[in-house]
Amino acid sequence: MSQSATAILSRRIEKMATSPTLVASGRVTQFDGQIIECDGFPVSVGSICHVTGPSGTIIDAEIIGFKNERNVAFLYDQNADIEVGALVCVANNGRDVQVGESLLGRVIDAHGQPFDGLGSLHLTETWPLYGKSVNPLDRAPITQPLDVGVRSVNSLLTIGKGQRVGIVAGSGVGKSVLLAMMTRFCKADVIVVGLIGERGREVGAFVEQAMTGAARKKICWSPYRPTVLLCCGSVAQTAPPPLPNISVRRAKTSF
């Protein structure tokens, strides 16, 4: 084979090696204001897709099922401007979230995007959205108390390391205040707070009250977002997000 033919063949092989990855996609065929149907393409339930709006904006959607050989997806944006024929492309499988030390001291939304205007996050590791299954027989027994930073709770309603606790009470009686106190003073390496269902006007005050001093360095917040509560809740419940490589002492509190 001549040198020129070899050179041409080599260039073509290089182009083949650097060719763009194929992305499964389809077109919107039906839209009812919150749920879209699009052409059927290979994708699993839970996958995240990008829907291109008329002005080129990208709207996130999650595959929730299949119907009549079409994909059914739930839009995260309740006010999305969608037209029939809009392009729908697969973004990721929706099963993992990015984690890392840069989450500490930050406020993120349910997608893991910065919510506090402090710049982008540099995350290099991933963690399963729904956690890793553990054999019940391998779980350590709850034998040690956890100092939540509130003396009345420590003495009268002692919480153990690894225990799940529910704070149930009427509105306006101090659930959020108690949670903020526990968040700020709890003796833990990392604290993950998911403000699911919290009123929007209270998020800022809640964060400002708890993220002060040394507490800021070990807390990661995820404020509520009505259209992605499932995602937000899953991340909060399956932590350890920020530092998967350290031993984390934590108490899960829901309200």
C-alpha atoms as a PDB file:
ATOM      1  CA  MET A   1       0.000   0.000   0.000  1.00  0.00           C
ATOM      2  CA  SER A   2       1.363   3.435  -0.955  1.00  0.00           C
ATOM      3  CA  GLN A   3       2.213   6.029   1.688  1.00  0.00           C
ATOM      4  CA  SER A   4      -0.548   8.388   0.458  1.00  0.00           C
ATOM      5  CA  ALA A   5      -3.180   5.666   0.758  1.00  0.00           C
ATOM      6  CA  THR A   6      -1.892   4.802   4.231  1.00  0.00           C
ATOM      7  CA  ALA A   7      -2.101   8.449   5.278  1.00  0.00           C
ATOM      8  CA  ILE A   8      -5.682   8.777   3.990  1.00  0.00           C
ATOM      9  CA  LEU A   9      -6.714   5.573   5.739  1.00  0.00           C
ATOM     10  CA  SER A  10      -5.110   6.757   8.995  1.00  0.00           C
ATOM     11  CA  ARG A  11      -6.984  10.085   8.855  1.00  0.00           C
ATOM     12  CA  ARG A  12     -10.291   8.323   8.266  1.00  0.00           C
ATOM     13  CA  ILE A  13      -9.670   5.980  11.183  1.00  0.00           C
ATOM     14  CA  GLU A  14      -8.932   8.988  13.406  1.00  0.00           C
ATOM     15  CA  LYS A  15     -12.200  10.633  12.331  1.00  0.00           C
ATOM     16  CA  MET A  16     -14.087   7.457  13.138  1.00  0.00           C
ATOM     17  CA  ALA A  17     -12.533   7.367  16.597  1.00  0.00           C
ATOM     18  CA  THR A  18     -13.534  10.978  17.333  1.00  0.00           C
ATOM     19  CA  SER A  19     -17.014  10.861  15.816  1.00  0.00           C
ATOM     20  CA  PRO A  20     -19.780  12.218  18.088  1.00  0.00           C
ATOM     21  CA  THR A  21     -21.687   9.761  20.246  1.00  0.00           C
ATOM     22  CA  LEU A  22     -25.156   8.924  18.993  1.00  0.00           C
ATOM     23  CA  VAL A  23     -27.931  10.308  21.190  1.00  0.00           C
ATOM     24  CA  ALA A  24     -31.395   8.764  21.271  1.00  0.00           C
ATOM     25  CA  SER A  25     -34.049  11.359  20.465  1.00  0.00           C
ATOM     26  CA  GLY A  26     -37.608  11.866  19.304  1.00  0.00           C
ATOM     27  CA  ARG A  27     -40.272  14.512  18.719  1.00  0.00           C
ATOM     28  CA  VAL A  28     -43.113  15.659  20.962  1.00  0.00           C
ATOM     29  CA  THR A  29     -46.442  14.308  19.746  1.00  0.00           C
ATOM     30  CA  GLN A  30     -48.709  15.325  22.632  1.00  0.00           C
ATOM     31  CA  PHE A  31     -48.576  17.783  25.537  1.00  0.00           C
ATOM     32  CA  ASP A  32     -51.193  18.370  28.232  1.00  0.00           C
ATOM     33  CA  GLY A  33     -49.458  21.101  30.207  1.00  0.00           C
ATOM     34  CA  GLN A  34     -47.320  18.891  32.433  1.00  0.00           C
ATOM     35  CA  ILE A  35     -46.817  15.537  30.707  1.00  0.00           C
ATOM     36  CA  ILE A  36     -45.518  15.028  27.193  1.00  0.00           C
ATOM     37  CA  GLU A  37     -45.598  12.078  24.840  1.00  0.00           C
ATOM     38  CA  CYS A  38     -42.909  11.694  22.225  1.00  0.00           C
ATOM     39  CA  ASP A  39     -41.688   9.228  19.636  1.00  0.00           C
ATOM     40  CA  GLY A  40     -40.541   5.966  21.161  1.00  0.00           C
ATOM     41  CA  PHE A  41     -36.782   5.608  21.460  1.00  0.00           C
ATOM     42  CA  PRO A  42     -34.634   3.354  23.694  1.00  0.00           C
ATOM     43  CA  VAL A  43     -34.733   4.775  27.215  1.00  0.00           C
ATOM     44  CA  SER A  44     -35.504   3.512  30.710  1.00  0.00           C
ATOM     45  CA  VAL A  45     -37.966   4.839  33.267  1.00  0.00           C
ATOM     46  CA  GLY A  46     -36.320   7.499  35.422  1.00  0.00           C
ATOM     47  CA  SER A  47     -34.034   8.797  32.704  1.00  0.00           C
ATOM     48  CA  ILE A  48     -33.674  12.558  32.335  1.00  0.00           C
ATOM     49  CA  CYS A  49     -34.354  14.105  28.945  1.00  0.00           C
ATOM     50  CA  HIS A  50     -33.866  17.578  27.470  1.00  0.00           C
ATOM     51  CA  VAL A  51     -36.786  19.098  25.583  1.00  0.00           C
ATOM     52  CA  THR A  52     -35.938  21.986  23.270  1.00  0.00           C
ATOM     53  CA  GLY A  53     -38.403  24.873  23.464  1.00  0.00           C
ATOM     54  CA  PRO A  54     -39.364  27.242  20.591  1.00  0.00           C
ATOM     55  CA  SER A  55     -36.705  29.789  21.577  1.00  0.00           C
ATOM     56  CA  GLY A  56     -34.002  27.165  21.994  1.00  0.00           C
ATOM     57  CA  THR A  57     -34.386  26.892  25.770  1.00  0.00           C
ATOM     58  CA  ILE A  58     -33.804  23.482  27.346  1.00  0.00           C
ATOM     59  CA  ILE A  59     -36.495  22.049  29.632  1.00  0.00           C
ATOM     60  CA  ASP A  60     -35.756  19.010  31.777  1.00  0.00           C
ATOM     61  CA  ALA A  61     -38.181  16.099  31.808  1.00  0.00           C
ATOM     62  CA  GLU A  62     -38.192  12.649  33.391  1.00  0.00           C
ATOM     63  CA  ILE A  63     -39.361   9.482  31.680  1.00  0.00           C
ATOM     64  CA  ILE A  64     -42.215   8.032  33.739  1.00  0.00           C
ATOM     65  CA  GLY A  65     -43.551   5.335  31.418  1.00  0.00           C
ATOM     66  CA  PHE A  66     -44.511   4.175  27.956  1.00  0.00           C
ATOM     67  CA  LYS A  67     -47.815   4.261  26.107  1.00  0.00           C
ATOM     68  CA  ASN A  68     -48.777   3.017  22.647  1.00  0.00           C
ATOM     69  CA  GLU A  69     -45.116   2.700  21.616  1.00  0.00           C
ATOM     70  CA  ARG A  70     -44.407   6.239  22.785  1.00  0.00           C
ATOM     71  CA  ASN A  71     -42.379   7.597  25.677  1.00  0.00           C
ATOM     72  CA  VAL A  72     -44.207   9.495  28.423  1.00  0.00           C
ATOM     73  CA  ALA A  73     -42.246  12.155  30.314  1.00  0.00           C
ATOM     74  CA  PHE A  74     -43.010  14.521  33.196  1.00  0.00           C
ATOM     75  CA  LEU A  75     -41.800  18.108  32.798  1.00  0.00           C
ATOM     76  CA  TYR A  76     -39.982  19.710  35.725  1.00  0.00           C
ATOM     77  CA  ASP A  77     -41.034  23.207  34.639  1.00  0.00           C
ATOM     78  CA  GLN A  78     -44.756  23.815  35.169  1.00  0.00           C
ATOM     79  CA  ASN A  79     -44.707  26.859  32.859  1.00  0.00           C
ATOM     80  CA  ALA A  80     -42.719  25.269  30.057  1.00  0.00           C
ATOM     81  CA  ASP A  81     -43.365  26.507  26.520  1.00  0.00           C
ATOM     82  CA  ILE A  82     -43.623  23.300  24.493  1.00  0.00           C
ATOM     83  CA  GLU A  83     -44.728  22.822  20.921  1.00  0.00           C
ATOM     84  CA  VAL A  84     -45.677  19.674  19.044  1.00  0.00           C
ATOM     85  CA  GLY A  85     -42.593  18.521  17.175  1.00  0.00           C
ATOM     86  CA  ALA A  86     -40.135  19.769  19.807  1.00  0.00           C
ATOM     87  CA  LEU A  87     -36.928  17.749  20.009  1.00  0.00           C
ATOM     88  CA  VAL A  88     -36.520  15.389  22.979  1.00  0.00           C
ATOM     89  CA  CYS A  89     -33.027  14.011  23.710  1.00  0.00           C
ATOM     90  CA  VAL A  90     -31.751  11.713  26.443  1.00  0.00           C
ATOM     91  CA  ALA A  91     -29.455  13.518  28.916  1.00  0.00           C
ATOM     92  CA  ASN A  92     -28.638  10.788  31.459  1.00  0.00           C
ATOM     93  CA  ASN A  93     -30.135   7.733  33.130  1.00  0.00           C
ATOM     94  CA  GLY A  94     -31.220   9.677  36.229  1.00  0.00           C
ATOM     95  CA  ARG A  95     -29.853   7.035  38.589  1.00  0.00           C
ATOM     96  CA  ASP A  96     -26.796   8.868  39.949  1.00  0.00           C
ATOM     97  CA  VAL A  97     -26.065  12.274  41.441  1.00  0.00           C
ATOM     98  CA  GLN A  98     -22.748  14.071  41.535  1.00  0.00           C
ATOM     99  CA  VAL A  99     -21.156  14.527  44.964  1.00  0.00           C
ATOM    100  CA  GLY A 100     -17.976  16.006  46.366  1.00  0.00           C
ATOM    101  CA  GLU A 101     -16.447  18.223  49.030  1.00  0.00           C
ATOM    102  CA  SER A 102     -17.462  21.411  47.211  1.00  0.00           C
ATOM    103  CA  LEU A 103     -21.083  20.754  48.256  1.00  0.00           C
ATOM    104  CA  LEU A 104     -20.235  21.646  51.854  1.00  0.00           C
ATOM    105  CA  GLY A 105     -21.432  25.114  52.763  1.00  0.00           C
ATOM    106  CA  ARG A 106     -23.523  25.393  49.613  1.00  0.00           C
ATOM    107  CA  VAL A 107     -27.218  25.626  48.790  1.00  0.00           C
ATOM    108  CA  ILE A 108     -28.346  23.593  45.772  1.00  0.00           C
ATOM    109  CA  ASP A 109     -31.650  22.894  44.066  1.00  0.00           C
ATOM    110  CA  ALA A 110     -33.145  19.458  43.516  1.00  0.00           C
ATOM    111  CA  HIS A 111     -31.075  19.034  40.347  1.00  0.00           C
ATOM    112  CA  GLY A 112     -27.845  19.628  42.250  1.00  0.00           C
ATOM    113  CA  GLN A 113     -27.327  23.055  40.687  1.00  0.00           C
ATOM    114  CA  PRO A 114     -26.046  25.974  42.829  1.00  0.00           C
ATOM    115  CA  PHE A 115     -28.866  28.013  44.351  1.00  0.00           C
ATOM    116  CA  ASP A 116     -26.786  30.535  46.278  1.00  0.00           C
ATOM    117  CA  GLY A 117     -24.934  32.486  43.569  1.00  0.00           C
ATOM    118  CA  LEU A 118     -21.509  31.413  44.843  1.00  0.00           C
ATOM    119  CA  GLY A 119     -20.278  29.954  41.579  1.00  0.00           C
ATOM    120  CA  SER A 120     -20.229  26.524  40.024  1.00  0.00           C
ATOM    121  CA  LEU A 121     -19.581  23.239  41.798  1.00  0.00           C
ATOM    122  CA  HIS A 122     -16.621  21.003  41.003  1.00  0.00           C
ATOM    123  CA  LEU A 123     -17.878  17.482  41.668  1.00  0.00           C
ATOM    124  CA  THR A 124     -15.843  14.452  40.657  1.00  0.00           C
ATOM    125  CA  GLU A 125     -17.727  11.541  42.253  1.00  0.00           C
ATOM    126  CA  THR A 126     -21.207  10.063  41.908  1.00  0.00           C
ATOM    127  CA  TRP A 127     -23.624   8.384  44.295  1.00  0.00           C
ATOM    128  CA  PRO A 128     -26.763   6.323  43.486  1.00  0.00           C
ATOM    129  CA  LEU A 129     -29.877   8.484  43.735  1.00  0.00           C
ATOM    130  CA  TYR A 130     -31.742   5.801  45.693  1.00  0.00           C
ATOM    131  CA  GLY A 131     -28.723   4.723  47.710  1.00  0.00           C
ATOM    132  CA  LYS A 132     -26.965   1.390  47.876  1.00  0.00           C
ATOM    133  CA  SER A 133     -28.894  -1.562  49.226  1.00  0.00           C
ATOM    134  CA  VAL A 134     -27.461  -3.059  52.409  1.00  0.00           C
ATOM    135  CA  ASN A 135     -28.155  -6.452  53.864  1.00  0.00           C
ATOM    136  CA  PRO A 136     -30.172  -5.848  57.069  1.00  0.00           C
ATOM    137  CA  LEU A 137     -27.938  -8.337  58.872  1.00  0.00           C
ATOM    138  CA  ASP A 138     -24.906  -6.202  58.035  1.00  0.00           C
ATOM    139  CA  ARG A 139     -26.308  -3.039  59.621  1.00  0.00           C
ATOM    140  CA  ALA A 140     -24.649  -1.996  62.844  1.00  0.00           C
ATOM    141  CA  PRO A 141     -26.955  -1.895  65.900  1.00  0.00           C
ATOM    142  CA  ILE A 142     -27.902   1.491  67.348  1.00  0.00           C
ATOM    143  CA  THR A 143     -25.866   1.566  70.544  1.00  0.00           C
ATOM    144  CA  GLN A 144     -24.353   5.053  70.762  1.00  0.00           C
ATOM    145  CA  PRO A 145     -26.204   8.343  71.363  1.00  0.00           C
ATOM    146  CA  LEU A 146     -25.991  11.240  68.938  1.00  0.00           C
ATOM    147  CA  ASP A 147     -25.516  14.738  70.342  1.00  0.00           C
ATOM    148  CA  VAL A 148     -28.014  16.855  68.380  1.00  0.00           C
ATOM    149  CA  GLY A 149     -27.032  20.057  70.184  1.00  0.00           C
ATOM    150  CA  VAL A 150     -30.364  20.467  71.999  1.00  0.00           C
ATOM    151  CA  ARG A 151     -30.129  19.524  75.679  1.00  0.00           C
ATOM    152  CA  SER A 152     -33.810  18.733  76.154  1.00  0.00           C
ATOM    153  CA  VAL A 153     -33.717  16.277  73.247  1.00  0.00           C
ATOM    154  CA  ASN A 154     -30.431  14.747  74.348  1.00  0.00           C
ATOM    155  CA  SER A 155     -31.706  14.120  77.879  1.00  0.00           C
ATOM    156  CA  LEU A 156     -35.385  13.256  77.433  1.00  0.00           C
ATOM    157  CA  LEU A 157     -35.612  12.001  73.814  1.00  0.00           C
ATOM    158  CA  THR A 158     -32.136  10.631  73.181  1.00  0.00           C
ATOM    159  CA  ILE A 159     -31.414   9.902  69.517  1.00  0.00           C
ATOM    160  CA  GLY A 160     -29.024   7.137  68.549  1.00  0.00           C
ATOM    161  CA  LYS A 161     -26.461   7.194  65.752  1.00  0.00           C
ATOM    162  CA  GLY A 162     -28.089   5.717  62.654  1.00  0.00           C
ATOM    163  CA  GLN A 163     -31.644   6.231  63.915  1.00  0.00           C
ATOM    164  CA  ARG A 164     -34.423   7.827  61.874  1.00  0.00           C
ATOM    165  CA  VAL A 165     -36.638  10.347  63.639  1.00  0.00           C
ATOM    166  CA  GLY A 166     -39.880  12.043  62.632  1.00  0.00           C
ATOM    167  CA  ILE A 167     -40.932  15.419  64.052  1.00  0.00           C
ATOM    168  CA  VAL A 168     -44.721  15.568  63.820  1.00  0.00           C
ATOM    169  CA  ALA A 169     -46.683  18.610  65.029  1.00  0.00           C
ATOM    170  CA  GLY A 170     -49.134  21.293  63.954  1.00  0.00           C
ATOM    171  CA  SER A 171     -48.189  24.374  61.970  1.00  0.00           C
ATOM    172  CA  GLY A 172     -46.431  27.236  63.710  1.00  0.00           C
ATOM    173  CA  VAL A 173     -45.299  25.370  66.805  1.00  0.00           C
ATOM    174  CA  GLY A 174     -41.547  25.304  66.095  1.00  0.00           C
ATOM    175  CA  LYS A 175     -40.673  22.314  63.901  1.00  0.00           C
ATOM    176  CA  SER A 176     -38.492  24.394  61.601  1.00  0.00           C
ATOM    177  CA  VAL A 177     -36.869  26.200  64.543  1.00  0.00           C
ATOM    178  CA  LEU A 178     -36.000  22.906  66.202  1.00  0.00           C
ATOM    179  CA  LEU A 179     -34.633  21.488  62.963  1.00  0.00           C
ATOM    180  CA  ALA A 180     -32.508  24.608  62.461  1.00  0.00           C
ATOM    181  CA  MET A 181     -31.085  24.233  65.989  1.00  0.00           C
ATOM    182  CA  MET A 182     -30.268  20.579  65.417  1.00  0.00           C
ATOM    183  CA  THR A 183     -28.718  21.394  62.053  1.00  0.00           C
ATOM    184  CA  ARG A 184     -26.506  24.075  63.509  1.00  0.00           C
ATOM    185  CA  PHE A 185     -25.331  22.367  66.695  1.00  0.00           C
ATOM    186  CA  CYS A 186     -25.447  18.626  65.902  1.00  0.00           C
ATOM    187  CA  LYS A 187     -22.124  16.839  66.457  1.00  0.00           C
ATOM    188  CA  ALA A 188     -21.718  15.403  62.968  1.00  0.00           C
ATOM    189  CA  ASP A 189     -19.108  15.500  60.221  1.00  0.00           C
ATOM    190  CA  VAL A 190     -21.599  16.265  57.435  1.00  0.00           C
ATOM    191  CA  ILE A 191     -25.213  17.428  57.589  1.00  0.00           C
ATOM    192  CA  VAL A 192     -27.513  17.231  54.567  1.00  0.00           C
ATOM    193  CA  VAL A 193     -30.752  19.213  54.776  1.00  0.00           C
ATOM    194  CA  GLY A 194     -33.590  18.754  52.284  1.00  0.00           C
ATOM    195  CA  LEU A 195     -36.186  21.515  52.633  1.00  0.00           C
ATOM    196  CA  ILE A 196     -39.024  19.548  51.078  1.00  0.00           C
ATOM    197  CA  GLY A 197     -42.359  21.325  51.267  1.00  0.00           C
ATOM    198  CA  GLU A 198     -40.908  24.354  53.067  1.00  0.00           C
ATOM    199  CA  ARG A 199     -42.516  27.672  52.136  1.00  0.00           C
ATOM    200  CA  GLY A 200     -40.436  29.608  49.643  1.00  0.00           C
ATOM    201  CA  ARG A 201     -40.366  32.753  51.772  1.00  0.00           C
ATOM    202  CA  GLU A 202     -38.965  30.786  54.726  1.00  0.00           C
ATOM    203  CA  VAL A 203     -36.077  29.145  52.906  1.00  0.00           C
ATOM    204  CA  GLY A 204     -33.801  32.196  53.082  1.00  0.00           C
ATOM    205  CA  ALA A 205     -34.436  32.754  56.780  1.00  0.00           C
ATOM    206  CA  PHE A 206     -33.952  29.050  57.527  1.00  0.00           C
ATOM    207  CA  VAL A 207     -30.603  28.935  55.733  1.00  0.00           C
ATOM    208  CA  GLU A 208     -29.399  32.193  57.263  1.00  0.00           C
ATOM    209  CA  GLN A 209     -30.297  31.022  60.757  1.00  0.00           C
ATOM    210  CA  ALA A 210     -28.531  27.670  60.549  1.00  0.00           C
ATOM    211  CA  MET A 211     -25.536  28.312  58.280  1.00  0.00           C
ATOM    212  CA  THR A 212     -23.464  30.459  60.599  1.00  0.00           C
ATOM    213  CA  GLY A 213     -19.919  30.119  61.868  1.00  0.00           C
ATOM    214  CA  ALA A 214     -18.341  26.674  61.819  1.00  0.00           C
ATOM    215  CA  ALA A 215     -21.662  25.030  60.925  1.00  0.00           C
ATOM    216  CA  ARG A 216     -21.438  26.370  57.359  1.00  0.00           C
ATOM    217  CA  LYS A 217     -18.427  24.158  56.647  1.00  0.00           C
ATOM    218  CA  LYS A 218     -20.335  20.902  57.185  1.00  0.00           C
ATOM    219  CA  ILE A 219     -23.849  21.619  55.874  1.00  0.00           C
ATOM    220  CA  CYS A 220     -25.300  21.064  52.405  1.00  0.00           C
ATOM    221  CA  TRP A 221     -28.786  22.459  51.710  1.00  0.00           C
ATOM    222  CA  SER A 222     -31.309  21.545  49.052  1.00  0.00           C
ATOM    223  CA  PRO A 223     -34.303  23.931  49.071  1.00  0.00           C
ATOM    224  CA  TYR A 224     -37.747  22.807  48.029  1.00  0.00           C
ATOM    225  CA  ARG A 225     -38.854  22.933  44.417  1.00  0.00           C
ATOM    226  CA  PRO A 226     -42.462  21.821  43.889  1.00  0.00           C
ATOM    227  CA  THR A 227     -41.953  20.074  40.562  1.00  0.00           C
ATOM    228  CA  VAL A 228     -38.973  17.993  41.645  1.00  0.00           C
ATOM    229  CA  LEU A 229     -39.809  16.963  45.185  1.00  0.00           C
ATOM    230  CA  LEU A 230     -39.219  13.295  44.408  1.00  0.00           C
ATOM    231  CA  CYS A 231     -35.696  13.966  43.199  1.00  0.00           C
ATOM    232  CA  CYS A 232     -34.934  16.275  46.110  1.00  0.00           C
ATOM    233  CA  GLY A 233     -36.327  13.840  48.647  1.00  0.00           C
ATOM    234  CA  SER A 234     -34.417  10.923  47.219  1.00  0.00           C
ATOM    235  CA  VAL A 235     -31.101  12.758  47.404  1.00  0.00           C
ATOM    236  CA  ALA A 236     -31.696  13.835  50.987  1.00  0.00           C
ATOM    237  CA  GLN A 237     -32.776  10.378  52.125  1.00  0.00           C
ATOM    238  CA  THR A 238     -29.943   8.463  50.480  1.00  0.00           C
ATOM    239  CA  ALA A 239     -27.094  10.642  51.690  1.00  0.00           C
ATOM    240  CA  PRO A 240     -24.108  10.462  52.405  1.00  0.00           C
ATOM    241  CA  PRO A 241     -23.763  12.746  49.521  1.00  0.00           C
ATOM    242  CA  PRO A 242     -20.990  15.203  50.014  1.00  0.00           C
ATOM    243  CA  LEU A 243     -18.164  12.990  51.311  1.00  0.00           C
ATOM    244  CA  PRO A 244     -18.653   9.300  50.538  1.00  0.00           C
ATOM    245  CA  ASN A 245     -15.105   8.456  51.619  1.00  0.00           C
ATOM    246  CA  ILE A 246     -15.362   9.538  55.264  1.00  0.00           C
ATOM    247  CA  SER A 247     -17.217   8.154  58.248  1.00  0.00           C
ATOM    248  CA  VAL A 248     -20.355  10.267  58.618  1.00  0.00           C
ATOM    249  CA  ARG A 249     -22.372  10.584  61.819  1.00  0.00           C
ATOM    250  CA  ARG A 250     -25.864  11.807  60.989  1.00  0.00           C
ATOM    251  CA  ALA A 251     -29.445  11.952  62.167  1.00  0.00           C
ATOM    252  CA  LYS A 252     -32.263  12.032  59.641  1.00  0.00           C
ATOM    253  CA  THR A 253     -35.109  14.332  60.590  1.00  0.00           C
ATOM    254  CA  SER A 254     -38.315  14.753  58.581  1.00  0.00           C
ATOM    255  CA  PHE A 255     -41.243  17.080  59.035  1.00  0.00           C
END
